PDB file of N, CA and C in Angstrom:
ATOM      1  N   MET A   1      83.680  36.800 -20.028  1.00  0.00           N
ATOM      2  CA  MET A   1      84.273  36.941 -21.326  1.00  0.00           C
ATOM      3  C   MET A   1      85.758  37.250 -21.129  1.00  0.00           C
ATOM      4  N   ALA A   2      86.619  36.484 -21.760  1.00  0.00           N
ATOM      5  CA  ALA A   2      88.065  36.719 -21.703  1.00  0.00           C
ATOM      6  C   ALA A   2      88.475  37.591 -22.885  1.00  0.00           C
ATOM      7  N   LEU A   3      89.378  38.537 -22.618  1.00  0.00           N
ATOM      8  CA  LEU A   3      89.844  39.474 -23.639  1.00  0.00           C
ATOM      9  C   LEU A   3      91.349  39.637 -23.563  1.00  0.00           C
ATOM     10  N   GLN A   4      91.942  39.985 -24.669  1.00  0.00           N
ATOM     11  CA  GLN A   4      93.346  40.394 -24.716  1.00  0.00           C
ATOM     12  C   GLN A   4      93.350  41.907 -24.881  1.00  0.00           C
ATOM     13  N   VAL A   5      94.029  42.612 -23.984  1.00  0.00           N
ATOM     14  CA  VAL A   5      94.097  44.067 -24.028  1.00  0.00           C
ATOM     15  C   VAL A   5      95.499  44.467 -24.467  1.00  0.00           C
ATOM     16  N   ASP A   6      95.589  45.175 -25.566  1.00  0.00           N
ATOM     17  CA  ASP A   6      96.876  45.664 -26.066  1.00  0.00           C
ATOM     18  C   ASP A   6      96.888  47.183 -25.998  1.00  0.00           C
ATOM     19  N   ILE A   7      97.900  47.735 -25.357  1.00  0.00           N
ATOM     20  CA  ILE A   7      98.097  49.184 -25.307  1.00  0.00           C
ATOM     21  C   ILE A   7      99.435  49.459 -25.962  1.00  0.00           C
ATOM     22  N   ILE A   8      99.400  50.126 -27.104  1.00  0.00           N
ATOM     23  CA  ILE A   8     100.610  50.409 -27.867  1.00  0.00           C
ATOM     24  C   ILE A   8     100.719  51.921 -28.021  1.00  0.00           C
ATOM     25  N   PRO A   9     101.553  52.569 -27.214  1.00  0.00           N
ATOM     26  CA  PRO A   9     101.671  54.022 -27.294  1.00  0.00           C
ATOM     27  C   PRO A   9     102.241  54.470 -28.640  1.00  0.00           C
ATOM     28  N   ALA A  10     101.665  55.510 -29.190  1.00  0.00           N
ATOM     29  CA  ALA A  10     102.182  56.103 -30.425  1.00  0.00           C
ATOM     30  C   ALA A  10     103.109  57.246 -30.034  1.00  0.00           C
ATOM     31  N   THR A  11     104.366  57.141 -30.429  1.00  0.00           N
ATOM     32  CA  THR A  11     105.333  58.169 -30.040  1.00  0.00           C
ATOM     33  C   THR A  11     105.370  59.332 -31.014  1.00  0.00           C
ATOM     34  N   GLY A  12     104.896  59.123 -32.231  1.00  0.00           N
ATOM     35  CA  GLY A  12     104.965  60.185 -33.224  1.00  0.00           C
ATOM     36  C   GLY A  12     106.369  60.403 -33.755  1.00  0.00           C
ATOM     37  N   THR A  13     107.263  59.452 -33.458  1.00  0.00           N
ATOM     38  CA  THR A  13     108.654  59.567 -33.900  1.00  0.00           C
ATOM     39  C   THR A  13     109.068  58.265 -34.578  1.00  0.00           C
ATOM     40  N   ASP A  14     110.317  58.225 -35.007  1.00  0.00           N
ATOM     41  CA  ASP A  14     110.859  57.007 -35.607  1.00  0.00           C
ATOM     42  C   ASP A  14     111.250  55.967 -34.559  1.00  0.00           C
ATOM     43  N   TYR A  15     111.160  56.314 -33.285  1.00  0.00           N
ATOM     44  CA  TYR A  15     111.619  55.424 -32.228  1.00  0.00           C
ATOM     45  C   TYR A  15     110.521  54.454 -31.817  1.00  0.00           C
ATOM     46  N   PHE A  16     110.942  53.256 -31.471  1.00  0.00           N
ATOM     47  CA  PHE A  16     110.011  52.247 -30.981  1.00  0.00           C
ATOM     48  C   PHE A  16     109.791  52.451 -29.490  1.00  0.00           C
ATOM     49  N   THR A  17     108.754  51.867 -28.974  1.00  0.00           N
ATOM     50  CA  THR A  17     108.457  51.979 -27.558  1.00  0.00           C
ATOM     51  C   THR A  17     108.011  50.610 -27.040  1.00  0.00           C
ATOM     52  N   THR A  18     107.889  50.503 -25.754  1.00  0.00           N
ATOM     53  CA  THR A  18     107.351  49.282 -25.165  1.00  0.00           C
ATOM     54  C   THR A  18     105.835  49.307 -25.295  1.00  0.00           C
ATOM     55  N   ASN A  19     105.208  48.182 -25.042  1.00  0.00           N
ATOM     56  CA  ASN A  19     103.752  48.145 -25.060  1.00  0.00           C
ATOM     57  C   ASN A  19     103.251  47.200 -23.974  1.00  0.00           C
ATOM     58  N   ILE A  20     101.950  47.162 -23.828  1.00  0.00           N
ATOM     59  CA  ILE A  20     101.314  46.324 -22.815  1.00  0.00           C
ATOM     60  C   ILE A  20     100.418  45.314 -23.522  1.00  0.00           C
ATOM     61  N   GLU A  21     100.520  44.062 -23.149  1.00  0.00           N
ATOM     62  CA  GLU A  21      99.613  43.030 -23.644  1.00  0.00           C
ATOM     63  C   GLU A  21      99.160  42.214 -22.443  1.00  0.00           C
ATOM     64  N   ASP A  22      97.933  42.412 -22.024  1.00  0.00           N
ATOM     65  CA  ASP A  22      97.407  41.767 -20.822  1.00  0.00           C
ATOM     66  C   ASP A  22      96.125  41.006 -21.117  1.00  0.00           C
ATOM     67  N   GLY A  23      95.952  39.897 -20.418  1.00  0.00           N
ATOM     68  CA  GLY A  23      94.695  39.172 -20.470  1.00  0.00           C
ATOM     69  C   GLY A  23      93.808  39.606 -19.317  1.00  0.00           C
ATOM     70  N   ILE A  24      92.538  39.835 -19.607  1.00  0.00           N
ATOM     71  CA  ILE A  24      91.561  40.164 -18.564  1.00  0.00           C
ATOM     72  C   ILE A  24      90.295  39.358 -18.826  1.00  0.00           C
ATOM     73  N   ALA A  25      89.429  39.338 -17.837  1.00  0.00           N
ATOM     74  CA  ALA A  25      88.089  38.784 -18.025  1.00  0.00           C
ATOM     75  C   ALA A  25      87.086  39.816 -17.548  1.00  0.00           C
ATOM     76  N   LEU A  26      85.923  39.801 -18.158  1.00  0.00           N
ATOM     77  CA  LEU A  26      84.794  40.602 -17.692  1.00  0.00           C
ATOM     78  C   LEU A  26      83.797  39.632 -17.081  1.00  0.00           C
ATOM     79  N   ALA A  27      83.472  39.849 -15.800  1.00  0.00           N
ATOM     80  CA  ALA A  27      82.629  38.889 -15.088  1.00  0.00           C
ATOM     81  C   ALA A  27      81.567  39.610 -14.271  1.00  0.00           C
ATOM     82  N   ASP A  28      80.336  39.129 -14.354  1.00  0.00           N
ATOM     83  CA  ASP A  28      79.272  39.706 -13.538  1.00  0.00           C
ATOM     84  C   ASP A  28      79.441  39.248 -12.085  1.00  0.00           C
ATOM     85  N   GLN A  29      78.580  39.766 -11.209  1.00  0.00           N
ATOM     86  CA  GLN A  29      78.693  39.472  -9.781  1.00  0.00           C
ATOM     87  C   GLN A  29      78.636  37.972  -9.498  1.00  0.00           C
ATOM     88  N   ALA A  30      77.733  37.267 -10.146  1.00  0.00           N
ATOM     89  CA  ALA A  30      77.594  35.821  -9.903  1.00  0.00           C
ATOM     90  C   ALA A  30      78.865  35.067 -10.275  1.00  0.00           C
ATOM     91  N   LEU A  31      79.462  35.410 -11.402  1.00  0.00           N
ATOM     92  CA  LEU A  31      80.689  34.730 -11.816  1.00  0.00           C
ATOM     93  C   LEU A  31      81.847  35.084 -10.890  1.00  0.00           C
ATOM     94  N   ARG A  32      81.931  36.338 -10.459  1.00  0.00           N
ATOM     95  CA  ARG A  32      83.003  36.721  -9.520  1.00  0.00           C
ATOM     96  C   ARG A  32      82.883  35.924  -8.229  1.00  0.00           C
ATOM     97  N   GLU A  33      81.667  35.780  -7.735  1.00  0.00           N
ATOM     98  CA  GLU A  33      81.454  35.003  -6.508  1.00  0.00           C
ATOM     99  C   GLU A  33      81.825  33.538  -6.713  1.00  0.00           C
ATOM    100  N   GLU A  34      81.505  32.995  -7.866  1.00  0.00           N
ATOM    101  CA  GLU A  34      81.842  31.599  -8.154  1.00  0.00           C
ATOM    102  C   GLU A  34      83.353  31.402  -8.240  1.00  0.00           C
ATOM    103  N   ILE A  35      84.035  32.312  -8.915  1.00  0.00           N
ATOM    104  CA  ILE A  35      85.501  32.213  -9.013  1.00  0.00           C
ATOM    105  C   ILE A  35      86.122  32.292  -7.626  1.00  0.00           C
ATOM    106  N   ALA A  36      85.666  33.246  -6.814  1.00  0.00           N
ATOM    107  CA  ALA A  36      86.211  33.407  -5.463  1.00  0.00           C
ATOM    108  C   ALA A  36      85.994  32.149  -4.625  1.00  0.00           C
ATOM    109  N   ALA A  37      84.831  31.518  -4.766  1.00  0.00           N
ATOM    110  CA  ALA A  37      84.524  30.319  -3.975  1.00  0.00           C
ATOM    111  C   ALA A  37      85.275  29.090  -4.475  1.00  0.00           C
ATOM    112  N   ARG A  38      85.346  28.916  -5.781  1.00  0.00           N
ATOM    113  CA  ARG A  38      85.942  27.706  -6.342  1.00  0.00           C
ATOM    114  C   ARG A  38      87.454  27.778  -6.488  1.00  0.00           C
ATOM    115  N   HIS A  39      87.981  28.986  -6.622  1.00  0.00           N
ATOM    116  CA  HIS A  39      89.418  29.161  -6.855  1.00  0.00           C
ATOM    117  C   HIS A  39      89.953  30.293  -5.973  1.00  0.00           C
ATOM    118  N   PRO A  40      89.976  30.092  -4.651  1.00  0.00           N
ATOM    119  CA  PRO A  40      90.347  31.185  -3.742  1.00  0.00           C
ATOM    120  C   PRO A  40      91.766  31.718  -3.948  1.00  0.00           C
ATOM    121  N   GLU A  41      92.716  30.869  -4.284  1.00  0.00           N
ATOM    122  CA  GLU A  41      94.082  31.358  -4.506  1.00  0.00           C
ATOM    123  C   GLU A  41      94.148  32.239  -5.745  1.00  0.00           C
ATOM    124  N   ALA A  42      93.500  31.818  -6.810  1.00  0.00           N
ATOM    125  CA  ALA A  42      93.459  32.639  -8.029  1.00  0.00           C
ATOM    126  C   ALA A  42      92.735  33.951  -7.749  1.00  0.00           C
ATOM    127  N   TRP A  43      91.662  33.888  -6.953  1.00  0.00           N
ATOM    128  CA  TRP A  43      90.912  35.095  -6.630  1.00  0.00           C
ATOM    129  C   TRP A  43      91.774  36.087  -5.845  1.00  0.00           C
ATOM    130  N   ARG A  44      92.588  35.594  -4.927  1.00  0.00           N
ATOM    131  CA  ARG A  44      93.485  36.483  -4.167  1.00  0.00           C
ATOM    132  C   ARG A  44      94.474  37.172  -5.106  1.00  0.00           C
ATOM    133  N   ARG A  45      94.976  36.446  -6.096  1.00  0.00           N
ATOM    134  CA  ARG A  45      95.888  37.060  -7.073  1.00  0.00           C
ATOM    135  C   ARG A  45      95.171  38.126  -7.898  1.00  0.00           C
ATOM    136  N   ILE A  46      93.956  37.841  -8.311  1.00  0.00           N
ATOM    137  CA  ILE A  46      93.174  38.822  -9.069  1.00  0.00           C
ATOM    138  C   ILE A  46      92.950  40.072  -8.226  1.00  0.00           C
ATOM    139  N   GLU A  47      92.565  39.897  -6.981  1.00  0.00           N
ATOM    140  CA  GLU A  47      92.333  41.038  -6.090  1.00  0.00           C
ATOM    141  C   GLU A  47      93.616  41.840  -5.868  1.00  0.00           C
ATOM    142  N   ALA A  48      94.749  41.157  -5.718  1.00  0.00           N
ATOM    143  CA  ALA A  48      96.028  41.859  -5.542  1.00  0.00           C
ATOM    144  C   ALA A  48      96.381  42.661  -6.793  1.00  0.00           C
ATOM    145  N   ARG A  49      96.123  42.099  -7.960  1.00  0.00           N
ATOM    146  CA  ARG A  49      96.388  42.820  -9.213  1.00  0.00           C
ATOM    147  C   ARG A  49      95.488  44.042  -9.327  1.00  0.00           C
ATOM    148  N   ARG A  50      94.230  43.891  -8.971  1.00  0.00           N
ATOM    149  CA  ARG A  50      93.304  45.030  -9.010  1.00  0.00           C
ATOM    150  C   ARG A  50      93.771  46.129  -8.062  1.00  0.00           C
ATOM    151  N   ALA A  51      94.198  45.750  -6.867  1.00  0.00           N
ATOM    152  CA  ALA A  51      94.684  46.740  -5.901  1.00  0.00           C
ATOM    153  C   ALA A  51      95.911  47.463  -6.445  1.00  0.00           C
ATOM    154  N   PHE A  52      96.833  46.735  -7.044  1.00  0.00           N
ATOM    155  CA  PHE A  52      98.029  47.346  -7.632  1.00  0.00           C
ATOM    156  C   PHE A  52      97.641  48.335  -8.729  1.00  0.00           C
ATOM    157  N   MET A  53      96.727  47.924  -9.595  1.00  0.00           N
ATOM    158  CA  MET A  53      96.331  48.788 -10.708  1.00  0.00           C
ATOM    159  C   MET A  53      95.672  50.072 -10.214  1.00  0.00           C
ATOM    160  N   THR A  54      94.855  49.985  -9.173  1.00  0.00           N
ATOM    161  CA  THR A  54      94.158  51.174  -8.690  1.00  0.00           C
ATOM    162  C   THR A  54      95.019  52.013  -7.754  1.00  0.00           C
ATOM    163  N   GLU A  55      95.707  51.371  -6.820  1.00  0.00           N
ATOM    164  CA  GLU A  55      96.451  52.109  -5.802  1.00  0.00           C
ATOM    165  C   GLU A  55      97.813  52.597  -6.275  1.00  0.00           C
ATOM    166  N   VAL A  56      98.492  51.816  -7.101  1.00  0.00           N
ATOM    167  CA  VAL A  56      99.842  52.186  -7.542  1.00  0.00           C
ATOM    168  C   VAL A  56      99.821  52.882  -8.898  1.00  0.00           C
ATOM    169  N   LEU A  57      99.098  52.312  -9.845  1.00  0.00           N
ATOM    170  CA  LEU A  57      99.097  52.868 -11.201  1.00  0.00           C
ATOM    171  C   LEU A  57      98.033  53.942 -11.413  1.00  0.00           C
ATOM    172  N   GLY A  58      97.067  54.032 -10.514  1.00  0.00           N
ATOM    173  CA  GLY A  58      96.044  55.072 -10.632  1.00  0.00           C
ATOM    174  C   GLY A  58      94.973  54.786 -11.670  1.00  0.00           C
ATOM    175  N   ILE A  59      94.752  53.524 -11.993  1.00  0.00           N
ATOM    176  CA  ILE A  59      93.755  53.148 -12.994  1.00  0.00           C
ATOM    177  C   ILE A  59      92.458  52.770 -12.278  1.00  0.00           C
ATOM    178  N   ARG A  60      91.375  53.413 -12.640  1.00  0.00           N
ATOM    179  CA  ARG A  60      90.071  53.085 -12.056  1.00  0.00           C
ATOM    180  C   ARG A  60      89.481  51.884 -12.795  1.00  0.00           C
ATOM    181  N   LEU A  61      89.076  50.883 -12.041  1.00  0.00           N
ATOM    182  CA  LEU A  61      88.510  49.666 -12.636  1.00  0.00           C
ATOM    183  C   LEU A  61      87.087  49.448 -12.155  1.00  0.00           C
ATOM    184  N   ARG A  62      86.239  49.017 -13.050  1.00  0.00           N
ATOM    185  CA  ARG A  62      84.902  48.574 -12.650  1.00  0.00           C
ATOM    186  C   ARG A  62      85.047  47.197 -11.994  1.00  0.00           C
ATOM    187  N   PRO A  63      84.138  46.834 -11.122  1.00  0.00           N
ATOM    188  CA  PRO A  63      84.231  45.535 -10.449  1.00  0.00           C
ATOM    189  C   PRO A  63      84.268  44.353 -11.412  1.00  0.00           C
ATOM    190  N   GLU A  64      83.709  44.521 -12.605  1.00  0.00           N
ATOM    191  CA  GLU A  64      83.641  43.427 -13.575  1.00  0.00           C
ATOM    192  C   GLU A  64      84.990  43.066 -14.194  1.00  0.00           C
ATOM    193  N   VAL A  65      85.985  43.940 -14.072  1.00  0.00           N
ATOM    194  CA  VAL A  65      87.282  43.724 -14.723  1.00  0.00           C
ATOM    195  C   VAL A  65      88.187  42.884 -13.821  1.00  0.00           C
ATOM    196  N   LEU A  66      88.598  41.714 -14.334  1.00  0.00           N
ATOM    197  CA  LEU A  66      89.466  40.805 -13.587  1.00  0.00           C
ATOM    198  C   LEU A  66      90.786  40.650 -14.344  1.00  0.00           C
ATOM    199  N   PRO A  67      91.864  41.255 -13.851  1.00  0.00           N
ATOM    200  CA  PRO A  67      93.158  41.134 -14.533  1.00  0.00           C
ATOM    201  C   PRO A  67      93.808  39.779 -14.271  1.00  0.00           C
ATOM    202  N   PHE A  68      94.350  39.174 -15.330  1.00  0.00           N
ATOM    203  CA  PHE A  68      95.006  37.873 -15.229  1.00  0.00           C
ATOM    204  C   PHE A  68      96.525  37.950 -15.319  1.00  0.00           C
ATOM    205  N   SER A  69      97.068  39.049 -15.779  1.00  0.00           N
ATOM    206  CA  SER A  69      98.514  39.174 -15.983  1.00  0.00           C
ATOM    207  C   SER A  69      99.238  39.412 -14.665  1.00  0.00           C
ATOM    208  N   ASN A  70     100.457  38.891 -14.554  1.00  0.00           N
ATOM    209  CA  ASN A  70     101.275  39.144 -13.367  1.00  0.00           C
ATOM    210  C   ASN A  70     101.880  40.542 -13.361  1.00  0.00           C
ATOM    211  N   ILE A  71     101.834  41.222 -14.500  1.00  0.00           N
ATOM    212  CA  ILE A  71     102.278  42.619 -14.574  1.00  0.00           C
ATOM    213  C   ILE A  71     101.144  43.444 -15.199  1.00  0.00           C
ATOM    214  N   PRO A  72     100.018  43.575 -14.484  1.00  0.00           N
ATOM    215  CA  PRO A  72      98.828  44.177 -15.063  1.00  0.00           C
ATOM    216  C   PRO A  72      98.994  45.655 -15.387  1.00  0.00           C
ATOM    217  N   ALA A  73      98.859  45.985 -16.668  1.00  0.00           N
ATOM    218  CA  ALA A  73      98.911  47.368 -17.154  1.00  0.00           C
ATOM    219  C   ALA A  73     100.227  48.070 -16.841  1.00  0.00           C
ATOM    220  N   VAL A  74     101.281  47.315 -16.615  1.00  0.00           N
ATOM    221  CA  VAL A  74     102.580  47.927 -16.331  1.00  0.00           C
ATOM    222  C   VAL A  74     103.244  48.313 -17.644  1.00  0.00           C
ATOM    223  N   LEU A  75     103.589  49.591 -17.754  1.00  0.00           N
ATOM    224  CA  LEU A  75     104.281  50.093 -18.938  1.00  0.00           C
ATOM    225  C   LEU A  75     105.608  50.688 -18.497  1.00  0.00           C
ATOM    226  N   PRO A  76     106.713  49.951 -18.673  1.00  0.00           N
ATOM    227  CA  PRO A  76     108.013  50.524 -18.327  1.00  0.00           C
ATOM    228  C   PRO A  76     108.350  51.634 -19.324  1.00  0.00           C
ATOM    229  N   PRO A  77     108.782  52.805 -18.837  1.00  0.00           N
ATOM    230  CA  PRO A  77     109.062  53.908 -19.746  1.00  0.00           C
ATOM    231  C   PRO A  77     110.282  53.658 -20.629  1.00  0.00           C
ATOM    232  N   PHE A  78     111.164  52.832 -20.176  1.00  0.00           N
ATOM    233  CA  PHE A  78     112.365  52.505 -20.939  1.00  0.00           C
ATOM    234  C   PHE A  78     112.563  50.994 -20.867  1.00  0.00           C
ATOM    235  N   TRP A  79     112.961  50.381 -21.951  1.00  0.00           N
ATOM    236  CA  TRP A  79     113.114  48.925 -21.984  1.00  0.00           C
ATOM    237  C   TRP A  79     114.028  48.399 -20.888  1.00  0.00           C
ATOM    238  N   LEU A  80     115.088  49.118 -20.610  1.00  0.00           N
ATOM    239  CA  LEU A  80     116.081  48.608 -19.661  1.00  0.00           C
ATOM    240  C   LEU A  80     115.879  49.129 -18.247  1.00  0.00           C
ATOM    241  N   SER A  81     114.809  49.852 -18.002  1.00  0.00           N
ATOM    242  CA  SER A  81     114.533  50.386 -16.672  1.00  0.00           C
ATOM    243  C   SER A  81     113.349  49.635 -16.074  1.00  0.00           C
ATOM    244  N   ARG A  82     113.567  48.376 -15.737  1.00  0.00           N
ATOM    245  CA  ARG A  82     112.459  47.535 -15.292  1.00  0.00           C
ATOM    246  C   ARG A  82     111.949  47.883 -13.896  1.00  0.00           C
ATOM    247  N   ASN A  83     112.660  48.745 -13.171  1.00  0.00           N
ATOM    248  CA  ASN A  83     112.212  49.143 -11.839  1.00  0.00           C
ATOM    249  C   ASN A  83     111.344  50.393 -11.862  1.00  0.00           C
ATOM    250  N   SER A  84     111.041  50.905 -13.046  1.00  0.00           N
ATOM    251  CA  SER A  84     110.190  52.085 -13.195  1.00  0.00           C
ATOM    252  C   SER A  84     108.928  51.693 -13.950  1.00  0.00           C
ATOM    253  N   ALA A  85     107.850  52.425 -13.701  1.00  0.00           N
ATOM    254  CA  ALA A  85     106.601  52.182 -14.426  1.00  0.00           C
ATOM    255  C   ALA A  85     105.852  53.492 -14.574  1.00  0.00           C
ATOM    256  N   MET A  86     105.107  53.608 -15.664  1.00  0.00           N
ATOM    257  CA  MET A  86     104.268  54.775 -15.880  1.00  0.00           C
ATOM    258  C   MET A  86     103.024  54.636 -15.004  1.00  0.00           C
ATOM    259  N   ALA A  87     102.518  55.753 -14.490  1.00  0.00           N
ATOM    260  CA  ALA A  87     101.304  55.750 -13.676  1.00  0.00           C
ATOM    261  C   ALA A  87     100.442  56.941 -14.068  1.00  0.00           C
ATOM    262  N   VAL A  88      99.154  56.850 -13.779  1.00  0.00           N
ATOM    263  CA  VAL A  88      98.233  57.949 -14.035  1.00  0.00           C
ATOM    264  C   VAL A  88      98.447  58.993 -12.954  1.00  0.00           C
ATOM    265  N   ALA A  89      98.566  60.261 -13.355  1.00  0.00           N
ATOM    266  CA  ALA A  89      98.768  61.336 -12.387  1.00  0.00           C
ATOM    267  C   ALA A  89      97.537  61.463 -11.493  1.00  0.00           C
ATOM    268  N   SER A  90      97.750  61.871 -10.259  1.00  0.00           N
ATOM    269  CA  SER A  90      96.634  62.073  -9.333  1.00  0.00           C
ATOM    270  C   SER A  90      95.698  63.132  -9.885  1.00  0.00           C
ATOM    271  N   ARG A  91      94.429  62.956  -9.624  1.00  0.00           N
ATOM    272  CA  ARG A  91      93.435  63.917 -10.135  1.00  0.00           C
ATOM    273  C   ARG A  91      93.048  64.887  -9.082  1.00  0.00           C
TER     274      ARG A  91
END
């Protein structure tokens, strides 16, 4: 199942903020295996995105979640600070 994920932070102020709009798919084990076998380059990109989301951003993902965006779940804290990103604090 393909989904569009929108994360729009509420600031509680009159100021606007950035947001996240990412495409993902939810896939069972059989579909993940089929994608990996039939589209190995795409699968490597999906795996790299998952690693970035878990290792850099601190987001825990179930195996069924396949991120399609080249900037998965990246939320820049300031519009003009593209070299910074929000991350989940270590637990």
